[in-house]
Amino acid sequence: MILPMARLDALRLISHCPAGLRQFSGIAGLLGALGAAACGQAGVIEPEAPTAAVNHRLAAPARARLETEVLRASVEVFGIEIATLESSLCAPSDASASLETAVAAAPLVEIIRRTSGEAKTELVAAGRAPRSSDYTFRDGDIVRHYQVDYRDGAYAYVYDNGGVERRTGVNEIPEGAEPHDMHSSMLLLRAWRPRLDETAHFYVVLGRRPWRVDVTSRGPEMIKLGDEPRLTYRIDGVAVRVDPPGVEGTAPKRFSLWLSEDGDRVPLRMVADASFGQVTMTLTGRDTDARGCTPSVVAGANGSLERPRAGSGSIGTAWSTEASRAR
């Protein structure tokens, strides 16, 4: 399931959501990426020698084994659940895949303010970088919508701020790298098979801004899920927004992710810093039933999946607030 993480309220993608909800919405898009505090740690296992490899750019594998699944998670702040999320990966074949995440505020939050969010990603091919992303966030009566169309080394965006402000543009990615969104970033990390202390980096688009994410493999680690100990694989990361020259920088955002220590590398927990403390996301359930899984397919003129080239046409029109309310 969902990058520049850590002080999540600073993420441009969800910067207008209420304080409680905006802290986790971006990570929720990270494919149901899940969180946890290090206090859940029960022990550490380090079966391999550290690697001295230089930080390299992390790239999606040419072919990745994806399994249709639904992940459910709880989002907590100071031990209080503020939301739940459900993230669905639909991968019926090697040629197509899509991901969708829905976030619902906990009843306590709903009493204060009606909030929710959805995110959808279409992949160029299973396990690869995204073709497009679509985000909708509701804050009371205001609906905010983002669309992003990914290209080799660049991306185009449309941002609709509840019908009040509309922005469009095209930004380049450093190194000519593949841009990712929150969903594909989690797939990228799940597919990574690093050595202990190996470092790598990749780029993520949040809202309309690119971020560089540097990750470090910390190796196997025992944590507790409920009352049961689980062997996991820990990854620590720090994200820095890539700002144009002369623009005041944003503080780095730090996070930790615990994946299951098996072939599926299921995201079990994730913890990220927020301005008021830590936001924790914890896996509460996983299903692998493929029934009803029918992702849409983005096809080129010859019928095959293809990625748009830099300089291609507009990605379309952002939803208006009124149109979104009617959905």
C-alpha atoms as a PDB file:
ATOM      1  CA  MET A   1       0.000   0.000   0.000  1.00  0.00           C
ATOM      2  CA  ILE A   2       1.765   4.110   0.055  1.00  0.00           C
ATOM      3  CA  LEU A   3       6.933   8.675   0.725  1.00  0.00           C
ATOM      4  CA  PRO A   4       8.348  11.779   1.791  1.00  0.00           C
ATOM      5  CA  MET A   5       7.214  10.715   5.197  1.00  0.00           C
ATOM      6  CA  ALA A   6       8.017  11.591   8.719  1.00  0.00           C
ATOM      7  CA  ARG A   7       6.531  14.941   9.618  1.00  0.00           C
ATOM      8  CA  LEU A   8       3.481  14.006   7.574  1.00  0.00           C
ATOM      9  CA  ASP A   9       1.574  17.223   8.046  1.00  0.00           C
ATOM     10  CA  ALA A  10       4.156  18.870   5.803  1.00  0.00           C
ATOM     11  CA  LEU A  11       3.310  16.677   2.834  1.00  0.00           C
ATOM     12  CA  ARG A  12       1.918  18.895   0.103  1.00  0.00           C
ATOM     13  CA  LEU A  13      -0.369  16.110  -1.004  1.00  0.00           C
ATOM     14  CA  ILE A  14      -2.512  16.355   2.099  1.00  0.00           C
ATOM     15  CA  SER A  15      -1.476  19.636   3.659  1.00  0.00           C
ATOM     16  CA  HIS A  16      -5.037  20.954   3.953  1.00  0.00           C
ATOM     17  CA  CYS A  17      -6.587  17.995   5.774  1.00  0.00           C
ATOM     18  CA  PRO A  18      -7.461  18.356   9.473  1.00  0.00           C
ATOM     19  CA  ALA A  19      -4.477  17.847  11.757  1.00  0.00           C
ATOM     20  CA  GLY A  20      -5.353  14.302  12.763  1.00  0.00           C
ATOM     21  CA  LEU A  21      -6.271  13.009   9.304  1.00  0.00           C
ATOM     22  CA  ARG A  22      -3.598  14.758   7.307  1.00  0.00           C
ATOM     23  CA  GLN A  23      -0.869  13.086   9.332  1.00  0.00           C
ATOM     24  CA  PHE A  24      -1.639   9.673   7.870  1.00  0.00           C
ATOM     25  CA  SER A  25      -3.355  10.234   4.529  1.00  0.00           C
ATOM     26  CA  GLY A  26      -0.138  10.463   2.562  1.00  0.00           C
ATOM     27  CA  ILE A  27       1.250   7.279   4.053  1.00  0.00           C
ATOM     28  CA  ALA A  28      -2.050   5.576   3.604  1.00  0.00           C
ATOM     29  CA  GLY A  29      -1.567   6.174  -0.076  1.00  0.00           C
ATOM     30  CA  LEU A  30       1.720   4.426   0.394  1.00  0.00           C
ATOM     31  CA  LEU A  31      -0.231   1.313  -0.253  1.00  0.00           C
ATOM     32  CA  GLY A  32      -1.455   0.791   3.048  1.00  0.00           C
ATOM     33  CA  ALA A  33       2.005   1.153   4.263  1.00  0.00           C
ATOM     34  CA  LEU A  34       1.834   0.389   7.907  1.00  0.00           C
ATOM     35  CA  GLY A  35       3.510   1.817  10.915  1.00  0.00           C
ATOM     36  CA  ALA A  36       4.857   1.079  14.344  1.00  0.00           C
ATOM     37  CA  ALA A  37       7.011   2.483  17.083  1.00  0.00           C
ATOM     38  CA  ALA A  38      10.347   0.932  17.873  1.00  0.00           C
ATOM     39  CA  CYS A  39       9.074   0.152  21.382  1.00  0.00           C
ATOM     40  CA  GLY A  40       7.395  -2.902  19.843  1.00  0.00           C
ATOM     41  CA  GLN A  41      10.853  -4.345  19.311  1.00  0.00           C
ATOM     42  CA  ALA A  42      11.597  -7.556  21.183  1.00  0.00           C
ATOM     43  CA  GLY A  43      14.980  -8.447  19.725  1.00  0.00           C
ATOM     44  CA  VAL A  44      17.320  -8.031  16.767  1.00  0.00           C
ATOM     45  CA  ILE A  45      18.809 -10.681  14.465  1.00  0.00           C
ATOM     46  CA  GLU A  46      21.671  -9.825  12.140  1.00  0.00           C
ATOM     47  CA  PRO A  47      22.611 -12.962  10.187  1.00  0.00           C
ATOM     48  CA  GLU A  48      24.654 -11.272   7.457  1.00  0.00           C
ATOM     49  CA  ALA A  49      27.639  -8.982   7.280  1.00  0.00           C
ATOM     50  CA  PRO A  50      27.036  -5.289   6.503  1.00  0.00           C
ATOM     51  CA  THR A  51      27.639  -4.145   2.960  1.00  0.00           C
ATOM     52  CA  ALA A  52      29.864  -1.243   2.011  1.00  0.00           C
ATOM     53  CA  ALA A  53      27.960  -0.565  -1.214  1.00  0.00           C
ATOM     54  CA  VAL A  54      27.604   3.037  -2.316  1.00  0.00           C
ATOM     55  CA  ASN A  55      24.109   4.519  -2.214  1.00  0.00           C
ATOM     56  CA  HIS A  56      22.462   3.548  -5.500  1.00  0.00           C
ATOM     57  CA  ARG A  57      19.204   4.470  -7.181  1.00  0.00           C
ATOM     58  CA  LEU A  58      16.505   1.938  -6.446  1.00  0.00           C
ATOM     59  CA  ALA A  59      14.723   0.747  -9.575  1.00  0.00           C
ATOM     60  CA  ALA A  60      11.632  -1.408  -9.952  1.00  0.00           C
ATOM     61  CA  PRO A  61      12.426  -4.950 -11.138  1.00  0.00           C
ATOM     62  CA  ALA A  62      11.759  -5.746 -14.780  1.00  0.00           C
ATOM     63  CA  ARG A  63       9.238  -8.360 -13.669  1.00  0.00           C
ATOM     64  CA  ALA A  64       7.784  -8.481 -10.183  1.00  0.00           C
ATOM     65  CA  ARG A  65       5.592 -11.155  -8.656  1.00  0.00           C
ATOM     66  CA  LEU A  66       2.481  -9.331  -7.543  1.00  0.00           C
ATOM     67  CA  GLU A  67      -0.429 -10.984  -5.797  1.00  0.00           C
ATOM     68  CA  THR A  68      -3.903  -9.511  -5.624  1.00  0.00           C
ATOM     69  CA  GLU A  69      -4.469  -8.531  -2.016  1.00  0.00           C
ATOM     70  CA  VAL A  70      -6.411  -6.296   0.342  1.00  0.00           C
ATOM     71  CA  LEU A  71      -4.594  -4.777   3.314  1.00  0.00           C
ATOM     72  CA  ARG A  72      -6.381  -3.205   6.279  1.00  0.00           C
ATOM     73  CA  ALA A  73      -4.702  -1.006   8.832  1.00  0.00           C
ATOM     74  CA  SER A  74      -5.304   1.073  11.933  1.00  0.00           C
ATOM     75  CA  VAL A  75      -3.829   4.562  12.282  1.00  0.00           C
ATOM     76  CA  GLU A  76      -2.986   5.826  15.757  1.00  0.00           C
ATOM     77  CA  VAL A  77      -1.627   8.943  17.412  1.00  0.00           C
ATOM     78  CA  PHE A  78      -0.584   8.720  21.077  1.00  0.00           C
ATOM     79  CA  GLY A  79      -2.154   5.245  21.161  1.00  0.00           C
ATOM     80  CA  ILE A  80      -5.580   6.559  20.062  1.00  0.00           C
ATOM     81  CA  GLU A  81      -7.032   5.313  16.778  1.00  0.00           C
ATOM     82  CA  ILE A  82      -7.805   8.253  14.520  1.00  0.00           C
ATOM     83  CA  ALA A  83      -8.594   6.372  11.302  1.00  0.00           C
ATOM     84  CA  THR A  84      -8.734   3.075   9.439  1.00  0.00           C
ATOM     85  CA  LEU A  85      -7.653   2.381   5.901  1.00  0.00           C
ATOM     86  CA  GLU A  86      -8.154  -0.300   3.281  1.00  0.00           C
ATOM     87  CA  SER A  87      -5.729  -0.680   0.386  1.00  0.00           C
ATOM     88  CA  SER A  88      -6.431  -3.000  -2.551  1.00  0.00           C
ATOM     89  CA  LEU A  89      -3.858  -4.252  -5.033  1.00  0.00           C
ATOM     90  CA  CYS A  90      -5.480  -5.722  -8.132  1.00  0.00           C
ATOM     91  CA  ALA A  91      -2.996  -7.703 -10.240  1.00  0.00           C
ATOM     92  CA  PRO A  92      -4.857 -10.336 -12.296  1.00  0.00           C
ATOM     93  CA  SER A  93      -2.028 -10.649 -14.846  1.00  0.00           C
ATOM     94  CA  ASP A  94       1.609  -9.759 -15.437  1.00  0.00           C
ATOM     95  CA  ALA A  95       0.582  -6.974 -17.810  1.00  0.00           C
ATOM     96  CA  SER A  96      -1.641  -4.828 -15.610  1.00  0.00           C
ATOM     97  CA  ALA A  97      -2.162  -3.763 -12.044  1.00  0.00           C
ATOM     98  CA  SER A  98      -3.892  -1.032 -10.093  1.00  0.00           C
ATOM     99  CA  LEU A  99      -3.999   0.034  -6.468  1.00  0.00           C
ATOM    100  CA  GLU A 100      -6.679   1.843  -4.502  1.00  0.00           C
ATOM    101  CA  THR A 101      -6.663   3.086  -0.910  1.00  0.00           C
ATOM    102  CA  ALA A 102      -9.573   4.489   1.077  1.00  0.00           C
ATOM    103  CA  VAL A 103      -9.147   6.232   4.432  1.00  0.00           C
ATOM    104  CA  ALA A 104     -12.010   6.663   6.883  1.00  0.00           C
ATOM    105  CA  ALA A 105     -11.812   8.777  10.011  1.00  0.00           C
ATOM    106  CA  ALA A 106     -12.526   7.106  13.338  1.00  0.00           C
ATOM    107  CA  PRO A 107     -15.914   7.909  14.939  1.00  0.00           C
ATOM    108  CA  LEU A 108     -14.254  10.262  17.414  1.00  0.00           C
ATOM    109  CA  VAL A 109     -12.744  12.291  14.577  1.00  0.00           C
ATOM    110  CA  GLU A 110     -15.995  12.249  12.586  1.00  0.00           C
ATOM    111  CA  ILE A 111     -17.773  13.878  15.504  1.00  0.00           C
ATOM    112  CA  ILE A 112     -15.399  16.829  15.224  1.00  0.00           C
ATOM    113  CA  ARG A 113     -15.235  17.050  11.421  1.00  0.00           C
ATOM    114  CA  ARG A 114     -16.237  14.930   8.433  1.00  0.00           C
ATOM    115  CA  THR A 115     -13.061  13.816   6.668  1.00  0.00           C
ATOM    116  CA  SER A 116     -12.050  11.057   4.255  1.00  0.00           C
ATOM    117  CA  GLY A 117      -9.691  10.336   1.393  1.00  0.00           C
ATOM    118  CA  GLU A 118      -9.153   8.037  -1.575  1.00  0.00           C
ATOM    119  CA  ALA A 119      -6.151   7.336  -3.786  1.00  0.00           C
ATOM    120  CA  LYS A 120      -5.844   5.294  -6.986  1.00  0.00           C
ATOM    121  CA  THR A 121      -2.808   4.341  -9.045  1.00  0.00           C
ATOM    122  CA  GLU A 122      -2.581   2.694 -12.468  1.00  0.00           C
ATOM    123  CA  LEU A 123       0.737   0.936 -13.100  1.00  0.00           C
ATOM    124  CA  VAL A 124       2.443   0.758 -16.480  1.00  0.00           C
ATOM    125  CA  ALA A 125       2.933  -2.956 -15.768  1.00  0.00           C
ATOM    126  CA  ALA A 126       2.728  -5.110 -12.673  1.00  0.00           C
ATOM    127  CA  GLY A 127       5.425  -4.106 -10.204  1.00  0.00           C
ATOM    128  CA  ARG A 128       6.599  -1.154 -12.257  1.00  0.00           C
ATOM    129  CA  ALA A 129       6.360   2.624 -11.854  1.00  0.00           C
ATOM    130  CA  PRO A 130       2.963   4.360 -12.000  1.00  0.00           C
ATOM    131  CA  ARG A 131       1.215   5.498 -15.159  1.00  0.00           C
ATOM    132  CA  SER A 132      -1.111   7.847 -13.291  1.00  0.00           C
ATOM    133  CA  SER A 133      -2.295   8.763  -9.795  1.00  0.00           C
ATOM    134  CA  ASP A 134      -5.602  10.179  -8.638  1.00  0.00           C
ATOM    135  CA  TYR A 135      -6.175  11.554  -5.122  1.00  0.00           C
ATOM    136  CA  THR A 136      -9.305  12.987  -3.508  1.00  0.00           C
ATOM    137  CA  PHE A 137      -9.472  14.428   0.028  1.00  0.00           C
ATOM    138  CA  ARG A 138     -12.598  15.664   1.774  1.00  0.00           C
ATOM    139  CA  ASP A 139     -12.386  18.193   4.585  1.00  0.00           C
ATOM    140  CA  GLY A 140     -15.867  19.140   5.740  1.00  0.00           C
ATOM    141  CA  ASP A 141     -17.594  20.589   2.660  1.00  0.00           C
ATOM    142  CA  ILE A 142     -14.373  21.105   0.730  1.00  0.00           C
ATOM    143  CA  VAL A 143     -13.082  18.503  -1.755  1.00  0.00           C
ATOM    144  CA  ARG A 144      -9.505  18.680  -2.986  1.00  0.00           C
ATOM    145  CA  HIS A 145      -8.296  16.708  -5.945  1.00  0.00           C
ATOM    146  CA  TYR A 146      -4.909  15.894  -7.466  1.00  0.00           C
ATOM    147  CA  GLN A 147      -4.091  14.142 -10.738  1.00  0.00           C
ATOM    148  CA  VAL A 148      -0.567  13.191 -11.769  1.00  0.00           C
ATOM    149  CA  ASP A 149       0.576  11.719 -15.095  1.00  0.00           C
ATOM    150  CA  TYR A 150       4.041  10.137 -14.923  1.00  0.00           C
ATOM    151  CA  ARG A 151       6.599  10.253 -17.720  1.00  0.00           C
ATOM    152  CA  ASP A 152      10.188   9.104 -18.079  1.00  0.00           C
ATOM    153  CA  GLY A 153      12.130  11.542 -15.912  1.00  0.00           C
ATOM    154  CA  ALA A 154       9.185  13.917 -15.467  1.00  0.00           C
ATOM    155  CA  TYR A 155       5.518  14.236 -14.544  1.00  0.00           C
ATOM    156  CA  ALA A 156       2.532  16.471 -15.255  1.00  0.00           C
ATOM    157  CA  TYR A 157       0.025  17.475 -12.600  1.00  0.00           C
ATOM    158  CA  VAL A 158      -3.380  19.065 -12.119  1.00  0.00           C
ATOM    159  CA  TYR A 159      -4.339  20.353  -8.671  1.00  0.00           C
ATOM    160  CA  ASP A 160      -7.828  21.526  -7.765  1.00  0.00           C
ATOM    161  CA  ASN A 161      -8.069  23.180  -4.357  1.00  0.00           C
ATOM    162  CA  GLY A 162     -11.759  22.693  -3.740  1.00  0.00           C
ATOM    163  CA  GLY A 163     -12.728  24.783  -6.740  1.00  0.00           C
ATOM    164  CA  VAL A 164     -10.922  27.809  -5.257  1.00  0.00           C
ATOM    165  CA  GLU A 165      -7.563  27.363  -6.960  1.00  0.00           C
ATOM    166  CA  ARG A 166      -6.441  25.258  -9.930  1.00  0.00           C
ATOM    167  CA  ARG A 167      -2.810  24.675 -10.874  1.00  0.00           C
ATOM    168  CA  THR A 168      -1.206  22.689 -13.691  1.00  0.00           C
ATOM    169  CA  GLY A 169       2.380  22.109 -14.671  1.00  0.00           C
ATOM    170  CA  VAL A 170       5.188  19.752 -15.644  1.00  0.00           C
ATOM    171  CA  ASN A 171       8.200  19.060 -13.398  1.00  0.00           C
ATOM    172  CA  GLU A 172      11.368  17.100 -14.077  1.00  0.00           C
ATOM    173  CA  ILE A 173      12.845  14.405 -11.834  1.00  0.00           C
ATOM    174  CA  PRO A 174      16.566  14.592 -10.938  1.00  0.00           C
ATOM    175  CA  GLU A 175      18.857  12.076 -12.657  1.00  0.00           C
ATOM    176  CA  GLY A 176      16.111  11.488 -15.222  1.00  0.00           C
ATOM    177  CA  ALA A 177      14.819   8.917 -12.731  1.00  0.00           C
ATOM    178  CA  GLU A 178      11.513   7.074 -12.704  1.00  0.00           C
ATOM    179  CA  PRO A 179       9.003   9.054 -10.634  1.00  0.00           C
ATOM    180  CA  HIS A 180       6.909   7.125  -8.127  1.00  0.00           C
ATOM    181  CA  ASP A 181       3.795   7.819  -6.102  1.00  0.00           C
ATOM    182  CA  MET A 182       2.902   6.580  -2.633  1.00  0.00           C
ATOM    183  CA  HIS A 183       1.487   3.271  -3.860  1.00  0.00           C
ATOM    184  CA  SER A 184       4.294   2.308  -6.228  1.00  0.00           C
ATOM    185  CA  SER A 185       6.858   3.369  -3.616  1.00  0.00           C
ATOM    186  CA  MET A 186       5.644   0.696  -1.258  1.00  0.00           C
ATOM    187  CA  LEU A 187       5.772  -1.903  -4.032  1.00  0.00           C
ATOM    188  CA  LEU A 188       9.320  -0.769  -4.749  1.00  0.00           C
ATOM    189  CA  LEU A 189      10.361  -1.253  -1.117  1.00  0.00           C
ATOM    190  CA  ARG A 190       8.581  -4.597  -0.885  1.00  0.00           C
ATOM    191  CA  ALA A 191      10.511  -5.838  -3.934  1.00  0.00           C
ATOM    192  CA  TRP A 192      13.881  -4.643  -2.555  1.00  0.00           C
ATOM    193  CA  ARG A 193      16.169  -7.446  -1.336  1.00  0.00           C
ATOM    194  CA  PRO A 194      19.087  -5.531   0.237  1.00  0.00           C
ATOM    195  CA  ARG A 195      22.034  -6.594   2.323  1.00  0.00           C
ATOM    196  CA  LEU A 196      22.385  -5.340   5.864  1.00  0.00           C
ATOM    197  CA  ASP A 197      23.083  -1.573   5.970  1.00  0.00           C
ATOM    198  CA  GLU A 198      22.711  -1.255   2.204  1.00  0.00           C
ATOM    199  CA  THR A 199      21.495   2.192   1.132  1.00  0.00           C
ATOM    200  CA  ALA A 200      19.515   3.318  -1.897  1.00  0.00           C
ATOM    201  CA  HIS A 201      17.350   6.205  -3.069  1.00  0.00           C
ATOM    202  CA  PHE A 202      14.394   6.938  -5.318  1.00  0.00           C
ATOM    203  CA  TYR A 203      12.050   9.822  -6.130  1.00  0.00           C
ATOM    204  CA  VAL A 204       8.418  10.322  -5.181  1.00  0.00           C
ATOM    205  CA  VAL A 205       5.825  12.877  -6.222  1.00  0.00           C
ATOM    206  CA  LEU A 206       3.659  14.263  -3.409  1.00  0.00           C
ATOM    207  CA  GLY A 207       0.967  16.585  -4.643  1.00  0.00           C
ATOM    208  CA  ARG A 208       2.934  18.613  -7.190  1.00  0.00           C
ATOM    209  CA  ARG A 209       6.399  18.440  -5.636  1.00  0.00           C
ATOM    210  CA  PRO A 210       9.182  15.838  -6.129  1.00  0.00           C
ATOM    211  CA  TRP A 211      10.952  14.365  -3.101  1.00  0.00           C
ATOM    212  CA  ARG A 212      14.128  12.301  -2.863  1.00  0.00           C
ATOM    213  CA  VAL A 213      13.833   9.359  -0.474  1.00  0.00           C
ATOM    214  CA  ASP A 214      16.980   7.703   0.908  1.00  0.00           C
ATOM    215  CA  VAL A 215      16.463   4.315   2.538  1.00  0.00           C
ATOM    216  CA  THR A 216      18.729   2.091   4.630  1.00  0.00           C
ATOM    217  CA  SER A 217      18.311  -1.632   5.218  1.00  0.00           C
ATOM    218  CA  ARG A 218      18.450  -2.400   8.940  1.00  0.00           C
ATOM    219  CA  GLY A 219      18.018  -6.156   8.623  1.00  0.00           C
ATOM    220  CA  PRO A 220      15.798  -8.680  10.451  1.00  0.00           C
ATOM    221  CA  GLU A 221      14.128  -7.507  13.658  1.00  0.00           C
ATOM    222  CA  MET A 222      11.609  -9.030  16.061  1.00  0.00           C
ATOM    223  CA  ILE A 223       8.576  -6.901  16.903  1.00  0.00           C
ATOM    224  CA  LYS A 224       5.274  -7.559  18.620  1.00  0.00           C
ATOM    225  CA  LEU A 225       1.982  -7.475  16.765  1.00  0.00           C
ATOM    226  CA  GLY A 226      -0.599  -7.606  19.508  1.00  0.00           C
ATOM    227  CA  ASP A 227       0.683 -10.290  21.857  1.00  0.00           C
ATOM    228  CA  GLU A 228       2.544 -12.244  19.177  1.00  0.00           C
ATOM    229  CA  PRO A 229       6.214 -11.761  18.244  1.00  0.00           C
ATOM    230  CA  ARG A 230       6.881 -11.479  14.512  1.00  0.00           C
ATOM    231  CA  LEU A 231      10.113 -11.629  12.581  1.00  0.00           C
ATOM    232  CA  THR A 232      10.269  -8.610  10.283  1.00  0.00           C
ATOM    233  CA  TYR A 233      12.675  -6.783   8.006  1.00  0.00           C
ATOM    234  CA  ARG A 234      13.229  -3.162   8.958  1.00  0.00           C
ATOM    235  CA  ILE A 235      13.905  -0.274   6.587  1.00  0.00           C
ATOM    236  CA  ASP A 236      14.632   3.274   7.766  1.00  0.00           C
ATOM    237  CA  GLY A 237      14.206   6.247   5.482  1.00  0.00           C
ATOM    238  CA  VAL A 238      14.503   9.990   5.190  1.00  0.00           C
ATOM    239  CA  ALA A 239      12.818  12.132   2.538  1.00  0.00           C
ATOM    240  CA  VAL A 240      13.878  15.579   1.370  1.00  0.00           C
ATOM    241  CA  ARG A 241      11.823  17.781  -0.925  1.00  0.00           C
ATOM    242  CA  VAL A 242      13.589  18.726  -4.155  1.00  0.00           C
ATOM    243  CA  ASP A 243      13.118  22.491  -4.259  1.00  0.00           C
ATOM    244  CA  PRO A 244      14.093  24.867  -7.084  1.00  0.00           C
ATOM    245  CA  PRO A 245      17.134  27.114  -6.464  1.00  0.00           C
ATOM    246  CA  GLY A 246      16.291  29.995  -4.168  1.00  0.00           C
ATOM    247  CA  VAL A 247      13.330  28.271  -2.542  1.00  0.00           C
ATOM    248  CA  GLU A 248      13.558  27.785   1.201  1.00  0.00           C
ATOM    249  CA  GLY A 249      14.069  24.124   1.982  1.00  0.00           C
ATOM    250  CA  THR A 250      11.729  21.881   3.947  1.00  0.00           C
ATOM    251  CA  ALA A 251      12.913  19.900   6.963  1.00  0.00           C
ATOM    252  CA  PRO A 252      13.719  16.216   6.226  1.00  0.00           C
ATOM    253  CA  LYS A 253      10.980  13.684   7.009  1.00  0.00           C
ATOM    254  CA  ARG A 254      11.987  10.427   8.702  1.00  0.00           C
ATOM    255  CA  PHE A 255      10.189   7.092   8.851  1.00  0.00           C
ATOM    256  CA  SER A 256      10.680   3.413   9.661  1.00  0.00           C
ATOM    257  CA  LEU A 257       8.960   0.470   7.974  1.00  0.00           C
ATOM    258  CA  TRP A 258       8.675  -3.145   9.128  1.00  0.00           C
ATOM    259  CA  LEU A 259       7.985  -5.758   6.409  1.00  0.00           C
ATOM    260  CA  SER A 260       7.221  -9.412   6.994  1.00  0.00           C
ATOM    261  CA  GLU A 261      10.348 -11.567   6.708  1.00  0.00           C
ATOM    262  CA  ASP A 262       9.027 -13.772   3.919  1.00  0.00           C
ATOM    263  CA  GLY A 263       8.584 -13.724   0.162  1.00  0.00           C
ATOM    264  CA  ASP A 264       5.499 -11.491   0.292  1.00  0.00           C
ATOM    265  CA  ARG A 265       7.203  -8.733   2.307  1.00  0.00           C
ATOM    266  CA  VAL A 266       3.842  -7.572   3.689  1.00  0.00           C
ATOM    267  CA  PRO A 267       3.976  -4.111   5.333  1.00  0.00           C
ATOM    268  CA  LEU A 268       3.217  -4.814   8.993  1.00  0.00           C
ATOM    269  CA  ARG A 269       4.005  -1.457  10.585  1.00  0.00           C
ATOM    270  CA  MET A 270       5.250   1.996   9.811  1.00  0.00           C
ATOM    271  CA  VAL A 271       6.039   4.934  12.059  1.00  0.00           C
ATOM    272  CA  ALA A 272       6.593   8.506  10.918  1.00  0.00           C
ATOM    273  CA  ASP A 273       7.262  11.739  12.744  1.00  0.00           C
ATOM    274  CA  ALA A 274       4.585  14.410  12.873  1.00  0.00           C
ATOM    275  CA  SER A 275       4.773  17.916  14.305  1.00  0.00           C
ATOM    276  CA  PHE A 276       3.044  16.741  17.492  1.00  0.00           C
ATOM    277  CA  GLY A 277       4.604  13.286  17.878  1.00  0.00           C
ATOM    278  CA  GLN A 278       4.514   9.993  16.008  1.00  0.00           C
ATOM    279  CA  VAL A 279       1.886   8.580  13.702  1.00  0.00           C
ATOM    280  CA  THR A 280       1.675   4.792  13.742  1.00  0.00           C
ATOM    281  CA  MET A 281       0.063   2.536  11.154  1.00  0.00           C
ATOM    282  CA  THR A 282      -0.401  -1.150  11.963  1.00  0.00           C
ATOM    283  CA  LEU A 283      -1.675  -3.982   9.785  1.00  0.00           C
ATOM    284  CA  THR A 284      -4.955  -5.427  11.053  1.00  0.00           C
ATOM    285  CA  GLY A 285      -5.842  -7.807   8.216  1.00  0.00           C
ATOM    286  CA  ARG A 286      -4.859  -9.172   4.801  1.00  0.00           C
ATOM    287  CA  ASP A 287      -6.927 -11.003   2.174  1.00  0.00           C
ATOM    288  CA  THR A 288      -5.717 -12.472  -1.126  1.00  0.00           C
ATOM    289  CA  ASP A 289      -9.076 -13.209  -2.756  1.00  0.00           C
ATOM    290  CA  ALA A 290      -8.961 -12.133  -6.423  1.00  0.00           C
ATOM    291  CA  ARG A 291     -12.733 -12.185  -6.928  1.00  0.00           C
ATOM    292  CA  GLY A 292     -14.041  -8.894  -8.265  1.00  0.00           C
ATOM    293  CA  CYS A 293     -10.554  -7.754  -9.239  1.00  0.00           C
ATOM    294  CA  THR A 294     -10.886  -6.004 -12.612  1.00  0.00           C
ATOM    295  CA  PRO A 295      -8.371  -3.165 -12.934  1.00  0.00           C
ATOM    296  CA  SER A 296      -8.647  -0.757 -15.814  1.00  0.00           C
ATOM    297  CA  VAL A 297      -5.963  -1.005 -18.488  1.00  0.00           C
ATOM    298  CA  VAL A 298      -4.122   1.958 -19.969  1.00  0.00           C
ATOM    299  CA  ALA A 299      -3.419   0.982 -23.591  1.00  0.00           C
ATOM    300  CA  GLY A 300      -1.453   2.616 -26.351  1.00  0.00           C
ATOM    301  CA  ALA A 301      -2.375   2.767 -30.000  1.00  0.00           C
ATOM    302  CA  ASN A 302      -1.118  -0.771 -30.563  1.00  0.00           C
ATOM    303  CA  GLY A 303      -3.036  -2.067 -27.572  1.00  0.00           C
ATOM    304  CA  SER A 304      -0.012  -2.540 -25.347  1.00  0.00           C
ATOM    305  CA  LEU A 305       0.687  -0.731 -22.119  1.00  0.00           C
ATOM    306  CA  GLU A 306       3.007   2.183 -22.625  1.00  0.00           C
ATOM    307  CA  ARG A 307       4.367   5.137 -20.708  1.00  0.00           C
ATOM    308  CA  PRO A 308       3.765   8.643 -22.087  1.00  0.00           C
ATOM    309  CA  ARG A 309       6.864  10.517 -23.251  1.00  0.00           C
ATOM    310  CA  ALA A 310       7.928  13.845 -21.830  1.00  0.00           C
ATOM    311  CA  GLY A 311       6.262  16.606 -23.755  1.00  0.00           C
ATOM    312  CA  SER A 312       3.089  14.658 -24.480  1.00  0.00           C
ATOM    313  CA  GLY A 313      -0.340  16.190 -24.046  1.00  0.00           C
ATOM    314  CA  SER A 314      -2.349  17.278 -21.029  1.00  0.00           C
ATOM    315  CA  ILE A 315      -3.509  14.757 -18.486  1.00  0.00           C
ATOM    316  CA  GLY A 316      -7.051  16.066 -18.469  1.00  0.00           C
ATOM    317  CA  THR A 317      -9.235  18.216 -16.270  1.00  0.00           C
ATOM    318  CA  ALA A 318      -9.225  18.103 -12.488  1.00  0.00           C
ATOM    319  CA  TRP A 319     -12.479  17.300 -10.780  1.00  0.00           C
ATOM    320  CA  SER A 320     -14.363  20.245  -9.440  1.00  0.00           C
ATOM    321  CA  THR A 321     -15.571  20.330  -5.865  1.00  0.00           C
ATOM    322  CA  GLU A 322     -19.188  20.095  -6.962  1.00  0.00           C
ATOM    323  CA  ALA A 323     -18.510  17.157  -9.268  1.00  0.00           C
ATOM    324  CA  SER A 324     -16.682  15.309  -6.514  1.00  0.00           C
ATOM    325  CA  ARG A 325     -19.491  15.802  -4.039  1.00  0.00           C
ATOM    326  CA  ALA A 326     -21.899  14.230  -6.488  1.00  0.00           C
ATOM    327  CA  ARG A 327     -19.869  11.021  -6.647  1.00  0.00           C
END
